[in-house]
Amino acid sequence: MTTHPSTAGQGVGPLLRAWREQRRVSQLELALRADSSARHISFVETGRSRPSEEMVLRLAEHLDVPVRERNALLLAAGYAPRYPETPLDDPALGALREGIERLISGYEPYPALVVDAVYDVVAANRGVMTLVDGVCASLLEPPLNAMRLALHPRGLAPRIRNLRAWRGHLLEQMERQIALHRSEPLRALYEEVAAYPVPDADPAEEPAEPVPHFALPLRIEHEGRTLSFISSISTFNTPMDVTVAELAIETLLPADPATVKYLQSLTP
């Protein structure tokens, strides 16, 4: 996977250059996007010119820099952070919490959960609890982590019928996020779960006859049945808070009629 040089203690110029190079954008292209000049971008990156607060935010926007890292850019340029990081249990986010709970509860009996930037679960509905029933108790202790839960040999991994394909999908997803966010905690989690042992391929992982799917399904065994799901992930549009920016809502949509029928049969 891609690695990134440390930028700790650097000024805003080297940080902006690192983000620009990571996004594979030339100085001229960035200047055109940000209504500036390649000369000015060059001066900012080399430290010959101090960008205004507005310019830092404009460049960060056009480089798709995550909200948390935009604060770091502002601090490196000598400005105050623009985006707060409000704890999720803060009263100010009460409406958000209530909305999330209502959303995932309304999705029942299908599984839905909310994770933060390192895949710690901050909310989950009863559909998720149904799937994790019987998992090793230590993996269910707070903070419950969705990646550990899915890939740990004492978690859901032994029940996932297409483990190799699903594991590859999850690891690739984490690699993309590391490339975007340059998060050391996420990198550490990736290295941990990527090192979990993977059992030898099981002939039962693939159905005898190929089944067409519009996306890679999660095929997981539950009480003697193989359930099939398609995963969908949603984030908040134009977040102005670091905490909110890093939340993701994952829903598991039944991929076949048998899964729909079984889950609906569990509804009281």
C-alpha atoms as a PDB file:
ATOM      1  CA  MET A   1       0.000   0.000   0.000  1.00  0.00           C
ATOM      2  CA  THR A   2       1.063   3.613  -0.520  1.00  0.00           C
ATOM      3  CA  THR A   3       3.145   5.215   2.205  1.00  0.00           C
ATOM      4  CA  HIS A   4       3.492   8.920   2.944  1.00  0.00           C
ATOM      5  CA  PRO A   5       6.432  10.903   4.301  1.00  0.00           C
ATOM      6  CA  SER A   6       6.011  12.422   7.719  1.00  0.00           C
ATOM      7  CA  THR A   7       4.944  16.077   7.622  1.00  0.00           C
ATOM      8  CA  ALA A   8       4.976  16.648  11.383  1.00  0.00           C
ATOM      9  CA  GLY A   9       6.364  20.077  12.265  1.00  0.00           C
ATOM     10  CA  GLN A  10       6.435  21.317   8.653  1.00  0.00           C
ATOM     11  CA  GLY A  11       5.055  24.636   7.538  1.00  0.00           C
ATOM     12  CA  VAL A  12       1.941  25.026   5.460  1.00  0.00           C
ATOM     13  CA  GLY A  13       3.906  25.100   2.177  1.00  0.00           C
ATOM     14  CA  PRO A  14       5.349  21.574   2.379  1.00  0.00           C
ATOM     15  CA  LEU A  15       2.020  20.275   3.670  1.00  0.00           C
ATOM     16  CA  LEU A  16       0.137  21.755   0.728  1.00  0.00           C
ATOM     17  CA  ARG A  17       2.745  20.421  -1.682  1.00  0.00           C
ATOM     18  CA  ALA A  18       2.396  16.939  -0.163  1.00  0.00           C
ATOM     19  CA  TRP A  19      -1.382  17.037  -0.621  1.00  0.00           C
ATOM     20  CA  ARG A  20      -1.030  18.364  -4.186  1.00  0.00           C
ATOM     21  CA  GLU A  21       1.443  15.648  -5.133  1.00  0.00           C
ATOM     22  CA  GLN A  22      -0.711  12.989  -3.515  1.00  0.00           C
ATOM     23  CA  ARG A  23      -3.675  14.181  -5.582  1.00  0.00           C
ATOM     24  CA  ARG A  24      -1.422  14.237  -8.677  1.00  0.00           C
ATOM     25  CA  VAL A  25      -2.300  17.819  -9.504  1.00  0.00           C
ATOM     26  CA  SER A  26       0.224  20.204 -11.072  1.00  0.00           C
ATOM     27  CA  GLN A  27       0.853  23.679  -9.695  1.00  0.00           C
ATOM     28  CA  LEU A  28      -0.712  25.146 -12.828  1.00  0.00           C
ATOM     29  CA  GLU A  29      -3.832  22.993 -12.578  1.00  0.00           C
ATOM     30  CA  LEU A  30      -4.274  23.848  -8.899  1.00  0.00           C
ATOM     31  CA  ALA A  31      -3.778  27.540  -9.664  1.00  0.00           C
ATOM     32  CA  LEU A  32      -6.485  27.442 -12.336  1.00  0.00           C
ATOM     33  CA  ARG A  33      -8.884  25.671  -9.998  1.00  0.00           C
ATOM     34  CA  ALA A  34      -8.232  28.124  -7.151  1.00  0.00           C
ATOM     35  CA  ASP A  35      -8.224  31.280  -9.309  1.00  0.00           C
ATOM     36  CA  SER A  36      -4.572  31.936  -8.540  1.00  0.00           C
ATOM     37  CA  SER A  37      -1.283  31.637 -10.438  1.00  0.00           C
ATOM     38  CA  ALA A  38       1.284  28.850 -10.667  1.00  0.00           C
ATOM     39  CA  ARG A  39       3.882  31.372  -9.487  1.00  0.00           C
ATOM     40  CA  HIS A  40       1.923  32.120  -6.324  1.00  0.00           C
ATOM     41  CA  ILE A  41       1.340  28.407  -5.639  1.00  0.00           C
ATOM     42  CA  SER A  42       5.083  27.835  -6.041  1.00  0.00           C
ATOM     43  CA  PHE A  43       5.880  30.675  -3.629  1.00  0.00           C
ATOM     44  CA  VAL A  44       3.421  29.293  -1.069  1.00  0.00           C
ATOM     45  CA  GLU A  45       4.886  25.782  -1.282  1.00  0.00           C
ATOM     46  CA  THR A  46       8.473  27.011  -0.895  1.00  0.00           C
ATOM     47  CA  GLY A  47       7.625  29.352   1.965  1.00  0.00           C
ATOM     48  CA  ARG A  48       8.382  32.544   0.042  1.00  0.00           C
ATOM     49  CA  SER A  49       4.758  33.648   0.400  1.00  0.00           C
ATOM     50  CA  ARG A  50       2.366  33.228   3.327  1.00  0.00           C
ATOM     51  CA  PRO A  51      -1.109  32.326   2.064  1.00  0.00           C
ATOM     52  CA  SER A  52      -4.154  34.057   3.467  1.00  0.00           C
ATOM     53  CA  GLU A  53      -6.601  32.054   5.557  1.00  0.00           C
ATOM     54  CA  GLU A  54      -9.038  32.161   2.646  1.00  0.00           C
ATOM     55  CA  MET A  55      -6.374  30.858   0.260  1.00  0.00           C
ATOM     56  CA  VAL A  56      -5.471  27.954   2.572  1.00  0.00           C
ATOM     57  CA  LEU A  57      -9.126  26.902   2.714  1.00  0.00           C
ATOM     58  CA  ARG A  58      -9.586  27.360  -1.024  1.00  0.00           C
ATOM     59  CA  LEU A  59      -6.563  25.218  -1.861  1.00  0.00           C
ATOM     60  CA  ALA A  60      -7.662  22.590   0.665  1.00  0.00           C
ATOM     61  CA  GLU A  61     -11.099  22.493  -0.933  1.00  0.00           C
ATOM     62  CA  HIS A  62      -9.710  21.963  -4.425  1.00  0.00           C
ATOM     63  CA  LEU A  63      -7.294  19.296  -3.153  1.00  0.00           C
ATOM     64  CA  ASP A  64     -10.130  17.474  -1.362  1.00  0.00           C
ATOM     65  CA  VAL A  65      -8.281  17.677   1.942  1.00  0.00           C
ATOM     66  CA  PRO A  66     -10.291  16.088   4.800  1.00  0.00           C
ATOM     67  CA  VAL A  67     -11.781  18.484   7.348  1.00  0.00           C
ATOM     68  CA  ARG A  68      -9.457  17.369  10.157  1.00  0.00           C
ATOM     69  CA  GLU A  69      -6.416  18.027   7.980  1.00  0.00           C
ATOM     70  CA  ARG A  70      -7.738  21.434   6.931  1.00  0.00           C
ATOM     71  CA  ASN A  71      -7.434  22.468  10.559  1.00  0.00           C
ATOM     72  CA  ALA A  72      -3.831  21.236  10.510  1.00  0.00           C
ATOM     73  CA  LEU A  73      -3.121  23.341   7.421  1.00  0.00           C
ATOM     74  CA  LEU A  74      -4.597  26.426   9.068  1.00  0.00           C
ATOM     75  CA  LEU A  75      -2.505  25.896  12.203  1.00  0.00           C
ATOM     76  CA  ALA A  76       0.645  25.428  10.119  1.00  0.00           C
ATOM     77  CA  ALA A  77      -0.108  28.739   8.375  1.00  0.00           C
ATOM     78  CA  GLY A  78      -0.554  30.528  11.708  1.00  0.00           C
ATOM     79  CA  TYR A  79      -4.343  30.660  11.771  1.00  0.00           C
ATOM     80  CA  ALA A  80      -6.906  29.281  14.196  1.00  0.00           C
ATOM     81  CA  PRO A  81      -8.683  26.028  13.292  1.00  0.00           C
ATOM     82  CA  ARG A  82     -11.922  26.621  11.429  1.00  0.00           C
ATOM     83  CA  TYR A  83     -13.722  23.333  12.125  1.00  0.00           C
ATOM     84  CA  PRO A  84     -14.679  22.213  15.665  1.00  0.00           C
ATOM     85  CA  GLU A  85     -14.452  18.590  16.802  1.00  0.00           C
ATOM     86  CA  THR A  86     -17.536  18.098  18.937  1.00  0.00           C
ATOM     87  CA  PRO A  87     -17.839  14.864  20.949  1.00  0.00           C
ATOM     88  CA  LEU A  88     -20.730  12.801  19.644  1.00  0.00           C
ATOM     89  CA  ASP A  89     -22.340  12.748  23.099  1.00  0.00           C
ATOM     90  CA  ASP A  90     -22.287  16.563  23.313  1.00  0.00           C
ATOM     91  CA  PRO A  91     -25.773  18.126  23.652  1.00  0.00           C
ATOM     92  CA  ALA A  92     -25.019  20.202  20.545  1.00  0.00           C
ATOM     93  CA  LEU A  93     -25.153  17.020  18.459  1.00  0.00           C
ATOM     94  CA  GLY A  94     -28.339  15.750  20.064  1.00  0.00           C
ATOM     95  CA  ALA A  95     -30.418  16.226  16.913  1.00  0.00           C
ATOM     96  CA  LEU A  96     -27.785  14.396  14.880  1.00  0.00           C
ATOM     97  CA  ARG A  97     -27.717  11.429  17.270  1.00  0.00           C
ATOM     98  CA  GLU A  98     -31.499  11.249  17.304  1.00  0.00           C
ATOM     99  CA  GLY A  99     -31.636  11.357  13.521  1.00  0.00           C
ATOM    100  CA  ILE A 100     -29.021   8.610  13.189  1.00  0.00           C
ATOM    101  CA  GLU A 101     -30.834   6.362  15.659  1.00  0.00           C
ATOM    102  CA  ARG A 102     -34.137   6.909  13.876  1.00  0.00           C
ATOM    103  CA  LEU A 103     -32.528   6.195  10.515  1.00  0.00           C
ATOM    104  CA  ILE A 104     -30.899   2.894  11.430  1.00  0.00           C
ATOM    105  CA  SER A 105     -33.885   1.756  13.509  1.00  0.00           C
ATOM    106  CA  GLY A 106     -36.152   2.424  10.560  1.00  0.00           C
ATOM    107  CA  TYR A 107     -33.962   0.175   8.418  1.00  0.00           C
ATOM    108  CA  GLU A 108     -34.725  -2.879  10.571  1.00  0.00           C
ATOM    109  CA  PRO A 109     -34.911  -5.835  10.199  1.00  0.00           C
ATOM    110  CA  TYR A 110     -31.977  -5.240   7.842  1.00  0.00           C
ATOM    111  CA  PRO A 111     -28.578  -4.480   9.445  1.00  0.00           C
ATOM    112  CA  ALA A 112     -27.318  -0.886   9.687  1.00  0.00           C
ATOM    113  CA  LEU A 113     -24.533   0.700  11.725  1.00  0.00           C
ATOM    114  CA  VAL A 114     -22.605   3.943  12.077  1.00  0.00           C
ATOM    115  CA  VAL A 115     -18.803   4.002  12.336  1.00  0.00           C
ATOM    116  CA  ASP A 116     -16.212   6.705  12.941  1.00  0.00           C
ATOM    117  CA  ALA A 117     -12.906   7.360  11.165  1.00  0.00           C
ATOM    118  CA  VAL A 118     -11.268   4.182  12.520  1.00  0.00           C
ATOM    119  CA  TYR A 119     -14.356   1.968  12.141  1.00  0.00           C
ATOM    120  CA  ASP A 120     -15.329   2.057  15.803  1.00  0.00           C
ATOM    121  CA  VAL A 121     -19.086   1.465  15.948  1.00  0.00           C
ATOM    122  CA  VAL A 122     -20.961   4.416  17.442  1.00  0.00           C
ATOM    123  CA  ALA A 123     -24.469   3.072  16.741  1.00  0.00           C
ATOM    124  CA  ALA A 124     -25.984  -0.170  15.471  1.00  0.00           C
ATOM    125  CA  ASN A 125     -29.496  -1.527  15.053  1.00  0.00           C
ATOM    126  CA  ARG A 126     -30.977  -4.891  16.008  1.00  0.00           C
ATOM    127  CA  GLY A 127     -30.243  -6.311  12.563  1.00  0.00           C
ATOM    128  CA  VAL A 128     -26.518  -5.990  13.281  1.00  0.00           C
ATOM    129  CA  MET A 129     -26.933  -7.523  16.723  1.00  0.00           C
ATOM    130  CA  THR A 130     -28.620 -10.517  15.113  1.00  0.00           C
ATOM    131  CA  LEU A 131     -25.607 -11.159  12.872  1.00  0.00           C
ATOM    132  CA  VAL A 132     -23.011 -10.851  15.660  1.00  0.00           C
ATOM    133  CA  ASP A 133     -24.839 -13.101  18.094  1.00  0.00           C
ATOM    134  CA  GLY A 134     -22.401 -15.701  19.386  1.00  0.00           C
ATOM    135  CA  VAL A 135     -19.227 -13.786  18.454  1.00  0.00           C
ATOM    136  CA  CYS A 136     -16.368 -13.855  21.002  1.00  0.00           C
ATOM    137  CA  ALA A 137     -17.378 -11.555  23.860  1.00  0.00           C
ATOM    138  CA  SER A 138     -14.043  -9.702  23.893  1.00  0.00           C
ATOM    139  CA  LEU A 139     -14.688  -8.444  20.356  1.00  0.00           C
ATOM    140  CA  LEU A 140     -18.030  -7.004  21.439  1.00  0.00           C
ATOM    141  CA  GLU A 141     -16.578  -4.939  24.273  1.00  0.00           C
ATOM    142  CA  PRO A 142     -16.483  -1.153  23.707  1.00  0.00           C
ATOM    143  CA  PRO A 143     -15.138   0.238  21.543  1.00  0.00           C
ATOM    144  CA  LEU A 144     -16.540  -2.368  19.166  1.00  0.00           C
ATOM    145  CA  ASN A 145     -14.603  -2.144  15.895  1.00  0.00           C
ATOM    146  CA  ALA A 146     -16.316  -3.156  12.655  1.00  0.00           C
ATOM    147  CA  MET A 147     -13.120  -4.267  10.885  1.00  0.00           C
ATOM    148  CA  ARG A 148     -11.918  -6.414  13.782  1.00  0.00           C
ATOM    149  CA  LEU A 149     -15.387  -7.873  14.120  1.00  0.00           C
ATOM    150  CA  ALA A 150     -15.530  -8.794  10.434  1.00  0.00           C
ATOM    151  CA  LEU A 151     -12.017 -10.166   9.932  1.00  0.00           C
ATOM    152  CA  HIS A 152     -10.886 -11.567  13.294  1.00  0.00           C
ATOM    153  CA  PRO A 153     -10.755 -15.397  13.343  1.00  0.00           C
ATOM    154  CA  ARG A 154     -12.885 -15.309  16.501  1.00  0.00           C
ATOM    155  CA  GLY A 155     -15.273 -12.807  14.976  1.00  0.00           C
ATOM    156  CA  LEU A 156     -17.453 -13.097  11.892  1.00  0.00           C
ATOM    157  CA  ALA A 157     -14.671 -14.321   9.578  1.00  0.00           C
ATOM    158  CA  PRO A 158     -15.399 -18.071  10.035  1.00  0.00           C
ATOM    159  CA  ARG A 159     -19.033 -17.422   9.092  1.00  0.00           C
ATOM    160  CA  ILE A 160     -18.329 -15.420   5.939  1.00  0.00           C
ATOM    161  CA  ARG A 161     -18.719 -17.837   3.051  1.00  0.00           C
ATOM    162  CA  ASN A 162     -16.799 -15.647   0.565  1.00  0.00           C
ATOM    163  CA  LEU A 163     -14.206 -14.500   3.102  1.00  0.00           C
ATOM    164  CA  ARG A 164     -11.287 -14.058   0.710  1.00  0.00           C
ATOM    165  CA  ALA A 165     -13.238 -11.828  -1.656  1.00  0.00           C
ATOM    166  CA  TRP A 166     -14.900  -9.869   1.153  1.00  0.00           C
ATOM    167  CA  ARG A 167     -11.611  -9.480   3.043  1.00  0.00           C
ATOM    168  CA  GLY A 168      -9.979  -8.147  -0.127  1.00  0.00           C
ATOM    169  CA  HIS A 169     -12.814  -5.657  -0.544  1.00  0.00           C
ATOM    170  CA  LEU A 170     -12.487  -4.382   3.053  1.00  0.00           C
ATOM    171  CA  LEU A 171      -8.704  -4.041   2.873  1.00  0.00           C
ATOM    172  CA  GLU A 172      -8.913  -2.156  -0.427  1.00  0.00           C
ATOM    173  CA  GLN A 173     -11.522   0.133   1.124  1.00  0.00           C
ATOM    174  CA  MET A 174      -9.172   0.901   4.015  1.00  0.00           C
ATOM    175  CA  GLU A 175      -6.261   1.503   1.638  1.00  0.00           C
ATOM    176  CA  ARG A 176      -8.303   4.113  -0.246  1.00  0.00           C
ATOM    177  CA  GLN A 177      -9.204   5.857   2.990  1.00  0.00           C
ATOM    178  CA  ILE A 178      -5.599   5.865   4.209  1.00  0.00           C
ATOM    179  CA  ALA A 179      -4.552   7.446   0.917  1.00  0.00           C
ATOM    180  CA  LEU A 180      -7.233  10.105   1.341  1.00  0.00           C
ATOM    181  CA  HIS A 181      -6.873  10.850   5.055  1.00  0.00           C
ATOM    182  CA  ARG A 182      -3.239   9.864   5.809  1.00  0.00           C
ATOM    183  CA  SER A 183      -4.420   8.612   9.211  1.00  0.00           C
ATOM    184  CA  GLU A 184      -1.858   6.793  11.343  1.00  0.00           C
ATOM    185  CA  PRO A 185      -4.526   5.192  13.609  1.00  0.00           C
ATOM    186  CA  LEU A 186      -6.274   3.859  10.497  1.00  0.00           C
ATOM    187  CA  ARG A 187      -2.975   2.597   9.117  1.00  0.00           C
ATOM    188  CA  ALA A 188      -2.302   0.771  12.402  1.00  0.00           C
ATOM    189  CA  LEU A 189      -5.746  -0.840  12.250  1.00  0.00           C
ATOM    190  CA  TYR A 190      -5.127  -1.877   8.641  1.00  0.00           C
ATOM    191  CA  GLU A 191      -1.830  -3.539   9.536  1.00  0.00           C
ATOM    192  CA  GLU A 192      -3.496  -5.354  12.438  1.00  0.00           C
ATOM    193  CA  VAL A 193      -6.450  -6.802  10.522  1.00  0.00           C
ATOM    194  CA  ALA A 194      -4.406  -7.534   7.386  1.00  0.00           C
ATOM    195  CA  ALA A 195      -2.197  -9.761   9.556  1.00  0.00           C
ATOM    196  CA  TYR A 196      -5.078 -11.916  10.794  1.00  0.00           C
ATOM    197  CA  PRO A 197      -4.722 -15.517   9.555  1.00  0.00           C
ATOM    198  CA  VAL A 198      -6.879 -16.498   6.611  1.00  0.00           C
ATOM    199  CA  PRO A 199      -8.104 -20.094   6.436  1.00  0.00           C
ATOM    200  CA  ASP A 200      -7.526 -22.207   3.356  1.00  0.00           C
ATOM    201  CA  ALA A 201     -10.067 -21.681   0.594  1.00  0.00           C
ATOM    202  CA  ASP A 202     -13.315 -23.524   1.217  1.00  0.00           C
ATOM    203  CA  PRO A 203     -15.067 -24.997  -1.852  1.00  0.00           C
ATOM    204  CA  ALA A 204     -18.326 -23.845  -0.267  1.00  0.00           C
ATOM    205  CA  GLU A 205     -17.206 -20.237  -0.603  1.00  0.00           C
ATOM    206  CA  GLU A 206     -18.528 -20.120  -4.161  1.00  0.00           C
ATOM    207  CA  PRO A 207     -21.957 -21.398  -5.217  1.00  0.00           C
ATOM    208  CA  ALA A 208     -22.081 -24.376  -7.563  1.00  0.00           C
ATOM    209  CA  GLU A 209     -23.612 -22.148 -10.231  1.00  0.00           C
ATOM    210  CA  PRO A 210     -22.544 -18.504 -10.557  1.00  0.00           C
ATOM    211  CA  VAL A 211     -25.162 -16.077  -9.285  1.00  0.00           C
ATOM    212  CA  PRO A 212     -25.267 -12.648 -10.977  1.00  0.00           C
ATOM    213  CA  HIS A 213     -24.922  -9.699  -8.581  1.00  0.00           C
ATOM    214  CA  PHE A 214     -24.866  -5.968  -9.206  1.00  0.00           C
ATOM    215  CA  ALA A 215     -22.156  -5.596  -6.509  1.00  0.00           C
ATOM    216  CA  LEU A 216     -19.918  -7.879  -4.463  1.00  0.00           C
ATOM    217  CA  PRO A 217     -22.174  -9.558  -1.893  1.00  0.00           C
ATOM    218  CA  LEU A 218     -21.366 -10.379   1.693  1.00  0.00           C
ATOM    219  CA  ARG A 219     -22.381 -14.031   2.048  1.00  0.00           C
ATOM    220  CA  ILE A 220     -22.578 -14.882   5.746  1.00  0.00           C
ATOM    221  CA  GLU A 221     -23.832 -17.933   7.586  1.00  0.00           C
ATOM    222  CA  HIS A 222     -26.418 -17.465  10.305  1.00  0.00           C
ATOM    223  CA  GLU A 223     -28.021 -20.382  12.146  1.00  0.00           C
ATOM    224  CA  GLY A 224     -27.478 -22.807   9.282  1.00  0.00           C
ATOM    225  CA  ARG A 225     -28.577 -20.397   6.546  1.00  0.00           C
ATOM    226  CA  THR A 226     -26.398 -18.400   4.169  1.00  0.00           C
ATOM    227  CA  LEU A 227     -27.592 -14.807   4.033  1.00  0.00           C
ATOM    228  CA  SER A 228     -26.508 -12.486   1.236  1.00  0.00           C
ATOM    229  CA  PHE A 229     -26.124  -8.705   1.516  1.00  0.00           C
ATOM    230  CA  ILE A 230     -24.948  -5.752  -0.546  1.00  0.00           C
ATOM    231  CA  SER A 231     -23.212  -3.011   1.438  1.00  0.00           C
ATOM    232  CA  SER A 232     -23.940   0.693   0.978  1.00  0.00           C
ATOM    233  CA  ILE A 233     -22.033   3.487   2.759  1.00  0.00           C
ATOM    234  CA  SER A 234     -23.298   7.061   3.219  1.00  0.00           C
ATOM    235  CA  THR A 235     -21.567  10.157   4.615  1.00  0.00           C
ATOM    236  CA  PHE A 236     -22.785  13.650   5.480  1.00  0.00           C
ATOM    237  CA  ASN A 237     -22.771  16.311   2.788  1.00  0.00           C
ATOM    238  CA  THR A 238     -20.524  19.370   3.392  1.00  0.00           C
ATOM    239  CA  PRO A 239     -19.857  18.724   7.099  1.00  0.00           C
ATOM    240  CA  MET A 240     -18.599  21.653   9.199  1.00  0.00           C
ATOM    241  CA  ASP A 241     -17.476  19.570  12.185  1.00  0.00           C
ATOM    242  CA  VAL A 242     -14.615  17.056  12.291  1.00  0.00           C
ATOM    243  CA  THR A 243     -16.661  14.457  14.164  1.00  0.00           C
ATOM    244  CA  VAL A 244     -19.551  14.643  11.719  1.00  0.00           C
ATOM    245  CA  ALA A 245     -17.196  14.588   8.718  1.00  0.00           C
ATOM    246  CA  GLU A 246     -15.733  11.285   9.870  1.00  0.00           C
ATOM    247  CA  LEU A 247     -19.004   9.428  10.456  1.00  0.00           C
ATOM    248  CA  ALA A 248     -20.210   6.850   7.936  1.00  0.00           C
ATOM    249  CA  ILE A 249     -23.537   5.002   7.849  1.00  0.00           C
ATOM    250  CA  GLU A 250     -23.331   1.474   6.470  1.00  0.00           C
ATOM    251  CA  THR A 251     -26.470  -0.397   5.511  1.00  0.00           C
ATOM    252  CA  LEU A 252     -26.680  -4.022   4.394  1.00  0.00           C
ATOM    253  CA  LEU A 253     -29.292  -4.520   1.695  1.00  0.00           C
ATOM    254  CA  PRO A 254     -30.567  -8.095   1.219  1.00  0.00           C
ATOM    255  CA  ALA A 255     -29.238  -9.407  -2.097  1.00  0.00           C
ATOM    256  CA  ASP A 256     -31.764 -12.209  -2.622  1.00  0.00           C
ATOM    257  CA  PRO A 257     -35.393 -13.047  -1.763  1.00  0.00           C
ATOM    258  CA  ALA A 258     -34.385 -15.790   0.695  1.00  0.00           C
ATOM    259  CA  THR A 259     -32.472 -13.269   2.842  1.00  0.00           C
ATOM    260  CA  VAL A 260     -35.420 -10.871   2.775  1.00  0.00           C
ATOM    261  CA  LYS A 261     -37.844 -13.601   3.823  1.00  0.00           C
ATOM    262  CA  TYR A 262     -35.635 -14.871   6.649  1.00  0.00           C
ATOM    263  CA  LEU A 263     -34.923 -11.453   8.166  1.00  0.00           C
ATOM    264  CA  GLN A 264     -38.574 -10.463   7.985  1.00  0.00           C
ATOM    265  CA  SER A 265     -39.459 -13.680   9.788  1.00  0.00           C
ATOM    266  CA  LEU A 266     -37.395 -12.466  12.753  1.00  0.00           C
ATOM    267  CA  THR A 267     -39.492  -9.334  13.142  1.00  0.00           C
ATOM    268  CA  PRO A 268     -41.820  -9.599  16.146  1.00  0.00           C
END
